[in-house]
Amino acid sequence: MPEPSDLGELVRTFRHNAGLTLEDLSVRSGVSVRALSDMERGHSRKPHARTVAALATALGVPDDERKLLLGAARGGRARPAPAPLCELPPDIPDFTGRAAALAVVTTALRGRSAPVVIAGAAGIGKTALAVRSAYASRTEFPDGRLFCDLRGSDSEPLDPYVVQLRLMRAVGVDVDRIPAHPTDRGQLLRRTLRERKMLLLLDNAADEAQVRGLLPDPGGTVALITSRRKLGGLDRARRLALCPLSDADAAAMLRAVIEPDATARPEPELERWVARLCGNYPLALRIAGNRLLSRPGWTIETMARLLADEESRLDHLSAGDLQIRTAFSVSYGQLDPTTRLVFRRLALVPGPDAGVAVASVLTELPAHEVGKRLDDLVELGLLMSVTDQRAGFHDLIRLFAHEQLMAEDSHADVEAARRRLVSWLLATARGAAGWFQHSRLAEDDQSDPQTVFYEPVSAQRWLEVEGENWLGALRLAFAMGDHSAIVRTVEALQPFSRMWVNWRYWPEVFRLSVSAASALGDRELSERHGRYCVRAEAARQAQGM
């Protein structure tokens, strides 16, 4: 949105958004073409309120934008105020880690051959890395560095037409030389930037369409873009997807934030523990450090104790206007209702990641529809891509997804989805395990035709890839009191356990089946599964696990 005080810029932007020429607007408003032209170029004196009201009516702008126009008219000037200089924000003094990522970005900027995109979830540190890269590369750009926040996470991202104007005014192009037509304006911007060696930092881009008309030609100025999306539609772009910090870097960042207060300096182990509770997430680490600094009576142990409670962890990651929940909420708010459903239901996955089939069971949506939604969530940084069309949550985002699930889905729907997933995982595990028994299990045990296994390789792969999920289903079945399903599933899996002997969870699997058999009152079955458990423990000890 243009600055409220710049009447000419406002009129021109609203006119272009309405698809009107100067002549069209003149006919609709009764204001002459000459007067409109002078107004848009900032040459007219303070216009009469009735004139501006007529323009607002002709443009069909809503009430809030009408107020902007009238307010700009009341503060009229002979010429518009100078555009913002698009200066870089200050470098972050306690910037920590990201050495490899910083090297990748600065090397790519030095090449000047393509735009560079830093992508990642909200609060992951994209802007901090981009700004540090800009300062680290200052000698490469003798003609200067420009910064523009595109407000891509706002409900109304900045209009690229307005960004073009601001950038050209920032590099000294006279407003009279700036064309009104978007294509002509884009050509002038590219020609202007081609003649300079500058860095153009476009922060918080909404999508490809917002930045495409701002990108310079290769060889002179280079663009560095940050976005929650990977912007896969941009040609030739170099992309870097940011992840949470390493354990060492996360602890170092927390220490750097609280360093000014010597009394709050943590012990190394507690420091690492708090960093892990923050998920090694830069924004969460900064919030935790700021809370410690603002509460002299708190210690690092206080923060660790507060964050240890998963149900209230997001509540405690809040300091002033910095809130980790708000950062996630903005991204969540950009999703359509179906993608929100997929996101929420994935909070019920018991393992660290899941694929299309699991998400389809949870949502009762077709696999092809779920696949598109998973791609969207990965693109927006709300899920982390793992391998083979599988994705998982960052720890803090999982907590946020669970909050949304509890707030938006009924208790009955949540429980039905959970039971559906447990039933499907255990039935599919039995079906896959049937390939490794002397006599195959009945085919009707594989209740989902999409997961019928026609050869042992695919069955083995499923059991290994989904291992922590079907183990989680066994735990949930035990909590639900479905002891029969546990015993049936573990009995079917026992031959396969001799093939996959290095899996560290087999002792727990068999302890669950022993407890389930005991609950059923079947002593013989309990003793047999007890022997399975002993063998699994022995195999684990033999491998030093």
Protein backbone atom coordinates (compact mmCIF):
# COMPACT_ATOMS: atom_id res chain seq x y z
CA MET A 1 0.00 0.00 0.00
CA PRO A 2 1.41 3.50 -0.81
CA GLU A 3 2.22 5.91 1.97
CA PRO A 4 -1.04 7.56 3.18
CA SER A 5 0.43 11.05 2.65
CA ASP A 6 1.30 10.54 -1.05
CA LEU A 7 -1.92 11.46 -2.84
CA GLY A 8 -0.56 11.15 -6.37
CA GLU A 9 0.82 7.69 -5.73
CA LEU A 10 -2.45 6.60 -4.14
CA VAL A 11 -4.55 7.83 -7.06
CA ARG A 12 -2.27 6.18 -9.61
CA THR A 13 -2.21 2.86 -7.72
CA PHE A 14 -5.99 2.73 -7.27
CA ARG A 15 -6.51 3.68 -10.92
CA HIS A 16 -4.25 0.86 -12.13
CA ASN A 17 -5.85 -1.61 -9.75
CA ALA A 18 -9.23 -0.64 -11.25
CA GLY A 19 -7.86 -1.11 -14.79
CA LEU A 20 -8.64 2.48 -15.80
CA THR A 21 -6.78 4.88 -18.07
CA LEU A 22 -6.56 8.57 -17.26
CA GLU A 23 -9.27 9.17 -19.86
CA ASP A 24 -11.53 6.52 -18.27
CA LEU A 25 -11.16 8.06 -14.82
CA SER A 26 -11.75 11.55 -16.23
CA VAL A 27 -15.06 10.46 -17.78
CA ARG A 28 -16.19 8.73 -14.60
CA SER A 29 -15.20 11.50 -12.18
CA GLY A 30 -15.63 14.68 -14.19
CA VAL A 31 -12.04 15.70 -13.39
CA SER A 32 -9.98 16.73 -16.43
CA VAL A 33 -7.22 14.50 -17.77
CA ARG A 34 -4.71 17.34 -17.26
CA ALA A 35 -5.72 17.76 -13.61
CA LEU A 36 -5.50 14.01 -13.03
CA SER A 37 -2.07 13.84 -14.67
CA ASP A 38 -0.76 16.72 -12.57
CA MET A 39 -2.19 15.14 -9.44
CA GLU A 40 -0.56 11.75 -10.09
CA ARG A 41 2.81 13.37 -10.83
CA GLY A 42 2.59 15.49 -7.69
CA HIS A 43 2.45 18.80 -9.59
CA SER A 44 -1.01 19.94 -8.57
CA ARG A 45 -1.71 22.13 -5.57
CA LYS A 46 -3.84 20.88 -2.72
CA PRO A 47 -6.98 19.54 -4.44
CA HIS A 48 -10.45 20.33 -3.23
CA ALA A 49 -12.08 17.70 -1.00
CA ARG A 50 -15.04 17.43 -3.43
CA THR A 51 -12.59 16.57 -6.24
CA VAL A 52 -10.97 13.81 -4.20
CA ALA A 53 -14.38 12.49 -3.12
CA ALA A 54 -15.43 12.34 -6.79
CA LEU A 55 -12.28 10.39 -7.61
CA ALA A 56 -12.91 7.95 -4.76
CA THR A 57 -16.44 7.32 -6.03
CA ALA A 58 -15.26 6.88 -9.61
CA LEU A 59 -12.52 4.48 -8.52
CA GLY A 60 -14.98 2.44 -6.45
CA VAL A 61 -12.61 2.19 -3.49
CA PRO A 62 -13.89 0.91 -0.12
CA ASP A 63 -14.36 3.18 2.88
CA ASP A 64 -10.91 2.69 4.38
CA GLU A 65 -9.17 3.58 1.11
CA ARG A 66 -11.52 6.56 0.63
CA LYS A 67 -10.31 7.83 4.01
CA LEU A 68 -6.70 7.42 2.86
CA LEU A 69 -7.37 9.56 -0.20
CA LEU A 70 -9.15 12.29 1.77
CA GLY A 71 -6.43 12.27 4.42
CA ALA A 72 -3.73 12.60 1.76
CA ALA A 73 -5.64 15.51 0.20
CA ARG A 74 -5.86 17.33 3.54
CA GLY A 75 -2.10 17.09 3.91
CA GLY A 76 -1.46 18.05 0.28
CA ARG A 77 1.92 19.29 -0.91
CA ALA A 78 3.28 20.82 -4.07
CA ARG A 79 5.25 17.61 -4.72
CA PRO A 80 5.21 14.23 -3.03
CA ALA A 81 7.65 13.64 -0.23
CA PRO A 82 10.85 11.82 -1.13
CA ALA A 83 10.45 8.06 -1.25
CA PRO A 84 11.95 5.94 1.48
CA LEU A 85 15.64 5.39 0.87
CA CYS A 86 15.13 1.61 1.05
CA GLU A 87 18.08 1.37 3.40
CA LEU A 88 19.13 -1.91 4.94
CA PRO A 89 17.95 -2.47 8.50
CA PRO A 90 20.74 -2.64 11.08
CA ASP A 91 22.77 -5.81 11.25
CA ILE A 92 21.93 -8.10 14.16
CA PRO A 93 24.82 -7.86 16.66
CA ASP A 94 24.14 -11.27 18.23
CA PHE A 95 23.76 -13.11 14.90
CA THR A 96 24.98 -16.65 15.56
CA GLY A 97 25.68 -19.72 13.46
CA ARG A 98 24.60 -20.24 9.86
CA ALA A 99 28.25 -20.18 8.73
CA ALA A 100 27.65 -22.66 5.89
CA ALA A 101 24.43 -20.93 4.78
CA LEU A 102 26.14 -17.52 4.89
CA ALA A 103 28.92 -18.83 2.68
CA VAL A 104 26.42 -20.24 0.17
CA VAL A 105 24.50 -16.97 -0.07
CA THR A 106 27.51 -14.66 -0.32
CA THR A 107 29.11 -16.87 -2.97
CA ALA A 108 25.89 -16.90 -5.00
CA LEU A 109 25.58 -13.10 -4.72
CA ARG A 110 29.13 -12.66 -5.91
CA GLY A 111 28.29 -14.57 -9.10
CA ARG A 112 25.56 -12.03 -10.09
CA SER A 113 24.08 -14.59 -12.47
CA ALA A 114 20.71 -15.29 -10.84
CA PRO A 115 18.44 -14.20 -7.99
CA VAL A 116 19.00 -15.91 -4.64
CA VAL A 117 16.01 -17.14 -2.61
CA ILE A 118 16.23 -17.86 1.13
CA ALA A 119 13.12 -19.87 2.04
CA GLY A 120 11.80 -21.25 5.29
CA ALA A 121 9.08 -21.15 7.90
CA ALA A 122 8.18 -18.06 9.90
CA GLY A 123 10.76 -17.25 12.55
CA ILE A 124 13.47 -19.50 11.10
CA GLY A 125 15.87 -16.57 10.61
CA LYS A 126 15.53 -15.77 6.89
CA THR A 127 15.71 -11.99 7.21
CA ALA A 128 18.56 -12.13 9.72
CA LEU A 129 20.62 -14.27 7.33
CA ALA A 130 19.77 -12.08 4.35
CA VAL A 131 20.74 -8.87 6.16
CA ARG A 132 23.97 -10.40 7.46
CA SER A 133 24.75 -11.59 3.91
CA ALA A 134 24.13 -8.07 2.60
CA TYR A 135 26.56 -6.57 5.12
CA ALA A 136 29.11 -9.32 4.49
CA SER A 137 28.97 -8.59 0.74
CA ARG A 138 29.14 -4.79 0.94
CA THR A 139 32.33 -4.53 -1.12
CA GLU A 140 30.72 -6.45 -3.97
CA PHE A 141 28.07 -3.73 -4.44
CA PRO A 142 29.78 -0.33 -4.72
CA ASP A 143 26.55 1.33 -5.94
CA GLY A 144 24.66 0.45 -2.79
CA ARG A 145 22.17 -1.97 -1.31
CA LEU A 146 18.39 -1.53 -1.31
CA PHE A 147 15.93 -3.15 1.08
CA CYS A 148 12.16 -3.48 0.71
CA ASP A 149 9.76 -5.38 2.96
CA LEU A 150 7.17 -6.79 0.56
CA ARG A 151 4.81 -7.68 3.45
CA GLY A 152 4.10 -11.04 1.89
CA SER A 153 2.61 -12.44 5.09
CA ASP A 154 0.10 -9.58 5.39
CA SER A 155 -3.49 -9.96 4.22
CA GLU A 156 -2.64 -7.44 1.48
CA PRO A 157 1.00 -7.78 0.33
CA LEU A 158 2.68 -4.70 -1.09
CA ASP A 159 1.67 -3.98 -4.69
CA PRO A 160 4.68 -4.62 -6.98
CA TYR A 161 3.66 -1.53 -8.96
CA VAL A 162 4.31 0.56 -5.85
CA VAL A 163 7.58 -1.27 -5.14
CA GLN A 164 8.84 -0.42 -8.64
CA LEU A 165 8.14 3.24 -7.98
CA ARG A 166 9.88 3.22 -4.59
CA LEU A 167 12.95 1.45 -5.94
CA MET A 168 13.36 3.85 -8.86
CA ARG A 169 12.91 6.86 -6.64
CA ALA A 170 15.43 5.37 -4.21
CA VAL A 171 18.09 5.18 -6.96
CA GLY A 172 17.39 8.74 -8.04
CA VAL A 173 15.07 8.38 -11.04
CA ASP A 174 13.00 11.56 -11.36
CA VAL A 175 9.32 10.92 -10.83
CA ASP A 176 8.52 12.65 -14.13
CA ARG A 177 10.49 9.98 -16.00
CA ILE A 178 8.68 7.03 -14.41
CA PRO A 179 6.13 5.54 -16.84
CA ALA A 180 2.58 4.83 -15.77
CA HIS A 181 2.22 1.51 -17.62
CA PRO A 182 3.48 -1.47 -15.58
CA THR A 183 5.40 -3.02 -18.50
CA ASP A 184 7.18 0.22 -19.33
CA ARG A 185 7.91 0.82 -15.67
CA GLY A 186 9.41 -2.68 -15.31
CA GLN A 187 11.63 -2.14 -18.34
CA LEU A 188 12.92 1.15 -16.95
CA LEU A 189 13.62 -0.46 -13.58
CA ARG A 190 15.61 -3.28 -15.20
CA ARG A 191 17.54 -0.86 -17.40
CA THR A 192 18.33 1.34 -14.41
CA LEU A 193 19.54 -1.58 -12.29
CA ARG A 194 21.51 -3.09 -15.17
CA GLU A 195 23.73 -0.01 -15.18
CA ARG A 196 24.55 -0.37 -11.48
CA LYS A 197 26.23 -2.91 -9.23
CA MET A 198 23.73 -3.03 -6.43
CA LEU A 199 22.15 -5.56 -4.08
CA LEU A 200 18.36 -5.60 -4.06
CA LEU A 201 17.05 -7.30 -0.90
CA LEU A 202 13.36 -8.14 -1.31
CA ASP A 203 12.21 -9.36 2.08
CA ASN A 204 9.12 -11.43 2.89
CA ALA A 205 7.87 -12.08 -0.65
CA ALA A 206 4.35 -13.46 -0.97
CA ASP A 207 4.81 -15.37 -4.25
CA GLU A 208 6.53 -15.35 -7.62
CA ALA A 209 4.10 -12.85 -9.15
CA GLN A 210 5.00 -10.22 -6.56
CA VAL A 211 8.74 -10.31 -7.32
CA ARG A 212 8.93 -11.28 -10.99
CA GLY A 213 8.55 -7.69 -12.22
CA LEU A 214 11.20 -6.48 -9.76
CA LEU A 215 14.05 -8.76 -10.73
CA PRO A 216 17.10 -7.19 -12.41
CA ASP A 217 18.83 -8.64 -15.45
CA PRO A 218 21.94 -10.76 -14.79
CA GLY A 219 25.31 -9.12 -14.57
CA GLY A 220 24.74 -5.85 -12.72
CA THR A 221 22.39 -5.69 -9.78
CA VAL A 222 21.48 -8.97 -8.06
CA ALA A 223 18.32 -9.75 -6.08
CA LEU A 224 18.30 -11.52 -2.72
CA ILE A 225 14.78 -12.66 -1.81
CA THR A 226 13.37 -14.08 1.41
CA SER A 227 10.05 -15.89 1.47
CA ARG A 228 8.12 -18.52 3.37
CA ARG A 229 7.70 -20.21 0.00
CA LYS A 230 10.46 -21.67 -2.17
CA LEU A 231 9.23 -19.65 -5.18
CA GLY A 232 9.76 -22.59 -7.49
CA GLY A 233 8.31 -20.67 -10.44
CA LEU A 234 11.26 -18.24 -10.64
CA ASP A 235 13.63 -19.17 -13.44
CA ARG A 236 17.34 -19.62 -12.76
CA ALA A 237 16.99 -18.80 -9.06
CA ARG A 238 19.45 -20.23 -6.54
CA ARG A 239 17.52 -21.52 -3.51
CA LEU A 240 18.49 -22.13 0.08
CA ALA A 241 15.94 -23.70 2.45
CA LEU A 242 16.65 -22.88 6.09
CA CYS A 243 16.20 -25.44 8.87
CA PRO A 244 16.41 -25.00 12.63
CA LEU A 245 19.88 -24.32 14.01
CA SER A 246 22.23 -27.10 15.03
CA ASP A 247 22.39 -27.90 18.74
CA ALA A 248 25.70 -26.05 19.12
CA ASP A 249 24.56 -22.97 17.19
CA ALA A 250 21.23 -22.85 19.03
CA ALA A 251 22.93 -22.91 22.42
CA ALA A 252 25.39 -20.25 21.22
CA MET A 253 22.52 -18.02 20.06
CA LEU A 254 20.72 -18.30 23.38
CA ARG A 255 23.95 -17.43 25.15
CA ALA A 256 24.51 -14.44 22.83
CA VAL A 257 21.01 -13.07 23.53
CA ILE A 258 21.37 -13.20 27.32
CA GLU A 259 25.07 -12.30 27.44
CA PRO A 260 24.48 -8.65 28.50
CA ASP A 261 23.21 -9.86 31.88
CA ALA A 262 26.00 -11.76 33.54
CA THR A 263 23.75 -12.94 36.37
CA ALA A 264 21.50 -14.73 33.86
CA ARG A 265 24.35 -16.52 32.15
CA PRO A 266 23.27 -20.18 32.04
CA GLU A 267 25.05 -23.37 32.77
CA PRO A 268 26.02 -25.21 29.55
CA GLU A 269 23.76 -28.22 30.07
CA LEU A 270 20.74 -26.13 31.00
CA GLU A 271 21.48 -23.84 28.08
CA ARG A 272 21.44 -26.78 25.67
CA TRP A 273 18.25 -28.10 27.26
CA VAL A 274 16.40 -24.80 26.89
CA ALA A 275 17.62 -24.52 23.29
CA ARG A 276 16.23 -27.98 22.52
CA LEU A 277 12.91 -27.08 24.16
CA CYS A 278 12.87 -24.10 21.79
CA GLY A 279 13.35 -26.57 18.96
CA ASN A 280 16.59 -24.76 18.01
CA TYR A 281 14.26 -22.23 16.38
CA PRO A 282 15.86 -18.75 16.14
CA LEU A 283 12.71 -16.78 16.96
CA ALA A 284 11.90 -19.04 19.92
CA LEU A 285 15.47 -18.73 21.19
CA ARG A 286 15.35 -14.94 20.97
CA ILE A 287 12.01 -14.88 22.83
CA ALA A 288 13.32 -17.17 25.58
CA GLY A 289 16.45 -15.04 25.96
CA ASN A 290 14.46 -11.81 26.05
CA ARG A 291 12.12 -13.19 28.71
CA LEU A 292 15.11 -14.06 30.88
CA LEU A 293 16.57 -10.59 30.44
CA SER A 294 13.29 -8.86 31.29
CA ARG A 295 12.72 -10.86 34.49
CA PRO A 296 15.70 -10.44 36.83
CA GLY A 297 14.32 -12.96 39.29
CA TRP A 298 14.27 -15.75 36.73
CA THR A 299 17.05 -18.25 36.12
CA ILE A 300 17.73 -20.52 33.19
CA GLU A 301 16.23 -23.29 35.33
CA THR A 302 12.98 -21.30 35.55
CA MET A 303 12.78 -21.09 31.77
CA ALA A 304 13.58 -24.79 31.37
CA ARG A 305 10.83 -25.73 33.84
CA LEU A 306 8.26 -23.54 32.09
CA LEU A 307 9.10 -24.82 28.60
CA ALA A 308 9.12 -28.46 29.68
CA ASP A 309 5.31 -28.46 29.77
CA GLU A 310 4.23 -29.08 26.16
CA GLU A 311 0.69 -27.86 26.75
CA SER A 312 1.84 -24.38 27.74
CA ARG A 313 5.15 -24.14 25.87
CA LEU A 314 3.84 -21.85 23.14
CA ASP A 315 2.31 -19.59 25.80
CA HIS A 316 5.70 -19.11 27.41
CA LEU A 317 7.42 -18.38 24.08
CA SER A 318 6.09 -14.84 24.09
CA ALA A 319 7.95 -11.63 24.89
CA GLY A 320 6.27 -8.30 24.13
CA ASP A 321 5.29 -8.26 20.47
CA LEU A 322 7.41 -11.34 19.73
CA GLN A 323 5.25 -14.47 19.81
CA ILE A 324 6.06 -17.77 18.17
CA ARG A 325 2.37 -18.68 17.97
CA THR A 326 1.62 -15.50 16.02
CA ALA A 327 4.35 -16.29 13.51
CA PHE A 328 2.80 -19.70 12.82
CA SER A 329 -0.74 -18.30 12.81
CA VAL A 330 0.03 -15.98 9.92
CA SER A 331 1.11 -18.90 7.72
CA TYR A 332 -1.83 -21.02 8.87
CA GLY A 333 -4.21 -18.22 8.03
CA GLN A 334 -3.02 -18.26 4.40
CA LEU A 335 -4.18 -21.86 3.91
CA ASP A 336 -7.47 -22.91 2.36
CA PRO A 337 -9.85 -24.91 4.61
CA THR A 338 -8.89 -28.32 3.19
CA THR A 339 -5.16 -27.74 3.63
CA ARG A 340 -5.83 -26.56 7.16
CA LEU A 341 -7.62 -29.84 7.85
CA VAL A 342 -4.64 -31.85 6.59
CA PHE A 343 -2.29 -29.74 8.70
CA ARG A 344 -4.34 -30.21 11.88
CA ARG A 345 -4.95 -33.92 11.46
CA LEU A 346 -1.25 -34.62 10.94
CA ALA A 347 -0.81 -33.66 14.59
CA LEU A 348 -2.28 -37.11 15.36
CA VAL A 349 0.56 -38.97 13.61
CA PRO A 350 2.42 -40.85 16.36
CA GLY A 351 5.77 -40.96 14.56
CA PRO A 352 8.10 -38.20 13.35
CA ASP A 353 6.80 -38.08 9.77
CA ALA A 354 4.14 -39.43 7.46
CA GLY A 355 3.28 -39.93 3.82
CA VAL A 356 0.22 -39.52 1.68
CA ALA A 357 -1.46 -42.75 2.80
CA VAL A 358 -1.41 -41.85 6.50
CA ALA A 359 -2.69 -38.32 5.81
CA SER A 360 -5.43 -39.76 3.61
CA VAL A 361 -6.61 -42.07 6.41
CA LEU A 362 -6.68 -39.21 8.90
CA THR A 363 -8.64 -36.86 6.66
CA GLU A 364 -10.68 -39.34 4.59
CA LEU A 365 -9.57 -37.39 1.50
CA PRO A 366 -8.37 -39.02 -1.77
CA ALA A 367 -4.62 -39.62 -1.93
CA HIS A 368 -4.08 -37.31 -4.91
CA GLU A 369 -5.85 -34.48 -3.08
CA VAL A 370 -3.81 -35.02 0.09
CA GLY A 371 -0.57 -35.11 -1.93
CA LYS A 372 -1.20 -31.60 -3.25
CA ARG A 373 -1.94 -30.33 0.24
CA LEU A 374 1.26 -31.83 1.64
CA ASP A 375 3.22 -30.09 -1.12
CA ASP A 376 1.58 -26.78 -0.20
CA LEU A 377 2.45 -27.21 3.47
CA VAL A 378 6.07 -28.03 2.66
CA GLU A 379 6.22 -25.07 0.28
CA LEU A 380 5.00 -22.74 3.04
CA GLY A 381 7.42 -24.17 5.62
CA LEU A 382 4.74 -25.62 7.89
CA LEU A 383 6.03 -29.12 7.17
CA MET A 384 9.59 -30.30 6.60
CA SER A 385 10.20 -32.53 3.60
CA VAL A 386 11.84 -35.79 4.62
CA THR A 387 12.19 -38.37 1.83
CA ASP A 388 10.03 -40.20 -0.69
CA GLN A 389 7.00 -37.88 -0.46
CA ARG A 390 7.09 -37.91 3.32
CA ALA A 391 6.99 -34.87 5.57
CA GLY A 392 7.14 -34.10 9.25
CA PHE A 393 6.61 -31.30 11.74
CA HIS A 394 9.11 -29.15 13.48
CA ASP A 395 8.50 -29.72 17.21
CA LEU A 396 7.01 -26.29 17.87
CA ILE A 397 4.82 -26.38 14.77
CA ARG A 398 3.50 -29.77 15.85
CA LEU A 399 2.39 -28.19 19.13
CA PHE A 400 0.72 -25.39 17.18
CA ALA A 401 -1.03 -27.91 14.88
CA HIS A 402 -2.31 -29.81 17.92
CA GLU A 403 -3.69 -26.57 19.38
CA GLN A 404 -5.56 -25.88 16.15
CA LEU A 405 -6.86 -29.47 16.11
CA MET A 406 -8.28 -29.16 19.62
CA ALA A 407 -9.76 -25.73 18.87
CA GLU A 408 -11.35 -26.44 15.48
CA ASP A 409 -12.25 -30.16 15.39
CA SER A 410 -14.84 -31.73 17.63
CA HIS A 411 -13.74 -34.28 20.21
CA ALA A 412 -15.74 -36.96 18.37
CA ASP A 413 -14.02 -36.19 15.06
CA VAL A 414 -10.57 -36.24 16.65
CA GLU A 415 -11.18 -39.58 18.37
CA ALA A 416 -12.67 -41.09 15.21
CA ALA A 417 -9.62 -40.03 13.19
CA ARG A 418 -7.26 -41.39 15.84
CA ARG A 419 -9.02 -44.77 15.99
CA ARG A 420 -9.17 -44.93 12.19
CA LEU A 421 -5.41 -44.38 11.99
CA VAL A 422 -4.60 -46.94 14.69
CA SER A 423 -6.79 -49.57 13.04
CA TRP A 424 -5.30 -48.90 9.61
CA LEU A 425 -1.68 -48.95 10.79
CA LEU A 426 -2.05 -52.21 12.71
CA ALA A 427 -4.02 -53.94 9.95
CA THR A 428 -1.50 -52.85 7.33
CA ALA A 429 1.40 -53.97 9.53
CA ARG A 430 -0.19 -57.42 9.85
CA GLY A 431 -0.72 -57.58 6.11
CA ALA A 432 2.89 -56.63 5.37
CA ALA A 433 4.21 -59.02 8.04
CA GLY A 434 2.31 -61.88 6.41
CA TRP A 435 5.00 -62.08 3.71
CA PHE A 436 7.55 -63.21 6.31
CA GLN A 437 5.54 -66.03 7.89
CA HIS A 438 5.64 -69.69 6.92
CA SER A 439 1.96 -69.52 6.04
CA ARG A 440 0.57 -66.26 4.64
CA LEU A 441 -2.07 -64.40 6.63
CA ALA A 442 -5.55 -64.14 5.24
CA GLU A 443 -5.81 -61.50 2.54
CA ASP A 444 -8.81 -59.88 4.22
CA ASP A 445 -6.51 -58.67 7.02
CA GLN A 446 -5.31 -56.00 4.62
CA SER A 447 -8.34 -53.80 4.86
CA ASP A 448 -7.12 -51.01 2.56
CA PRO A 449 -6.78 -52.05 -1.10
CA GLN A 450 -4.24 -49.23 -1.61
CA THR A 451 -1.80 -50.94 0.75
CA VAL A 452 -2.03 -54.52 -0.40
CA PHE A 453 1.53 -55.79 -0.85
CA TYR A 454 2.17 -57.98 -3.86
CA GLU A 455 5.78 -58.83 -3.10
CA PRO A 456 8.01 -58.89 0.02
CA VAL A 457 10.25 -55.96 -0.94
CA SER A 458 7.45 -53.42 -0.76
CA ALA A 459 6.11 -55.04 2.43
CA GLN A 460 9.51 -54.81 4.10
CA ARG A 461 9.96 -51.22 2.98
CA TRP A 462 6.58 -50.21 4.42
CA LEU A 463 7.28 -51.89 7.78
CA GLU A 464 10.62 -50.10 8.08
CA VAL A 465 9.53 -46.68 6.85
CA GLU A 466 6.37 -46.66 8.98
CA GLY A 467 8.04 -48.37 11.95
CA GLU A 468 7.64 -45.55 14.45
CA ASN A 469 4.08 -44.96 13.30
CA TRP A 470 2.86 -48.54 13.76
CA LEU A 471 4.78 -48.66 17.06
CA GLY A 472 2.90 -45.52 18.06
CA ALA A 473 -0.33 -47.25 17.02
CA LEU A 474 0.52 -50.16 19.34
CA ARG A 475 0.99 -47.71 22.21
CA LEU A 476 -2.30 -46.02 21.45
CA ALA A 477 -4.10 -49.36 21.14
CA PHE A 478 -2.80 -50.31 24.58
CA ALA A 479 -4.10 -47.03 26.00
CA MET A 480 -7.45 -47.74 24.36
CA GLY A 481 -7.52 -51.26 25.83
CA ASP A 482 -7.47 -52.98 22.44
CA HIS A 483 -5.25 -55.80 23.69
CA SER A 484 -6.39 -58.32 21.12
CA ALA A 485 -5.26 -56.14 18.22
CA ILE A 486 -1.85 -55.71 19.87
CA VAL A 487 -1.30 -59.43 20.35
CA ARG A 488 -2.44 -60.27 16.81
CA THR A 489 -0.18 -57.62 15.31
CA VAL A 490 2.93 -58.46 17.32
CA GLU A 491 2.46 -62.19 16.72
CA ALA A 492 2.38 -61.45 12.98
CA LEU A 493 5.49 -59.25 13.23
CA GLN A 494 7.61 -61.69 15.22
CA PRO A 495 9.13 -63.49 12.18
CA PHE A 496 9.96 -60.14 10.59
CA SER A 497 11.76 -59.05 13.78
CA ARG A 498 14.39 -61.72 13.05
CA MET A 499 15.14 -60.00 9.74
CA TRP A 500 15.24 -56.44 11.08
CA VAL A 501 17.20 -57.24 14.22
CA ASN A 502 18.93 -53.85 14.55
CA TRP A 503 15.70 -51.90 15.12
CA ARG A 504 16.00 -50.52 18.64
CA TYR A 505 12.28 -50.63 19.44
CA TRP A 506 11.69 -54.40 19.32
CA PRO A 507 12.01 -54.86 23.11
CA GLU A 508 9.27 -52.27 23.64
CA VAL A 509 7.08 -53.93 20.99
CA PHE A 510 7.26 -57.25 22.77
CA ARG A 511 6.81 -55.72 26.23
CA LEU A 512 3.56 -54.23 24.96
CA SER A 513 2.41 -57.61 23.67
CA VAL A 514 3.35 -59.31 26.96
CA SER A 515 1.27 -56.77 28.88
CA ALA A 516 -1.60 -57.12 26.40
CA ALA A 517 -1.56 -60.92 26.65
CA SER A 518 -1.57 -60.68 30.45
CA ALA A 519 -4.52 -58.30 30.30
CA LEU A 520 -6.35 -60.87 28.18
CA GLY A 521 -5.61 -63.51 30.84
CA ASP A 522 -3.72 -65.73 28.36
CA ARG A 523 -0.76 -67.02 30.36
CA GLU A 524 0.64 -69.20 27.59
CA LEU A 525 0.58 -66.31 25.12
CA SER A 526 2.17 -63.99 27.68
CA GLU A 527 5.01 -66.44 28.30
CA ARG A 528 5.64 -66.91 24.56
CA HIS A 529 5.80 -63.19 23.94
CA GLY A 530 8.02 -62.90 27.01
CA ARG A 531 10.51 -65.18 25.25
CA TYR A 532 10.30 -62.96 22.17
CA CYS A 533 11.12 -60.00 24.40
CA VAL A 534 14.14 -61.73 25.96
CA ARG A 535 15.55 -62.56 22.52
CA ALA A 536 15.02 -58.96 21.38
CA GLU A 537 16.81 -57.60 24.45
CA ALA A 538 19.69 -60.02 23.92
CA ALA A 539 20.01 -58.99 20.26
CA ARG A 540 20.03 -55.33 21.28
CA GLN A 541 22.76 -55.87 23.85
CA ALA A 542 24.80 -57.89 21.38
CA GLN A 543 24.78 -54.96 19.00
CA GLY A 544 25.66 -52.51 21.76
CA MET A 545 22.41 -50.58 21.37
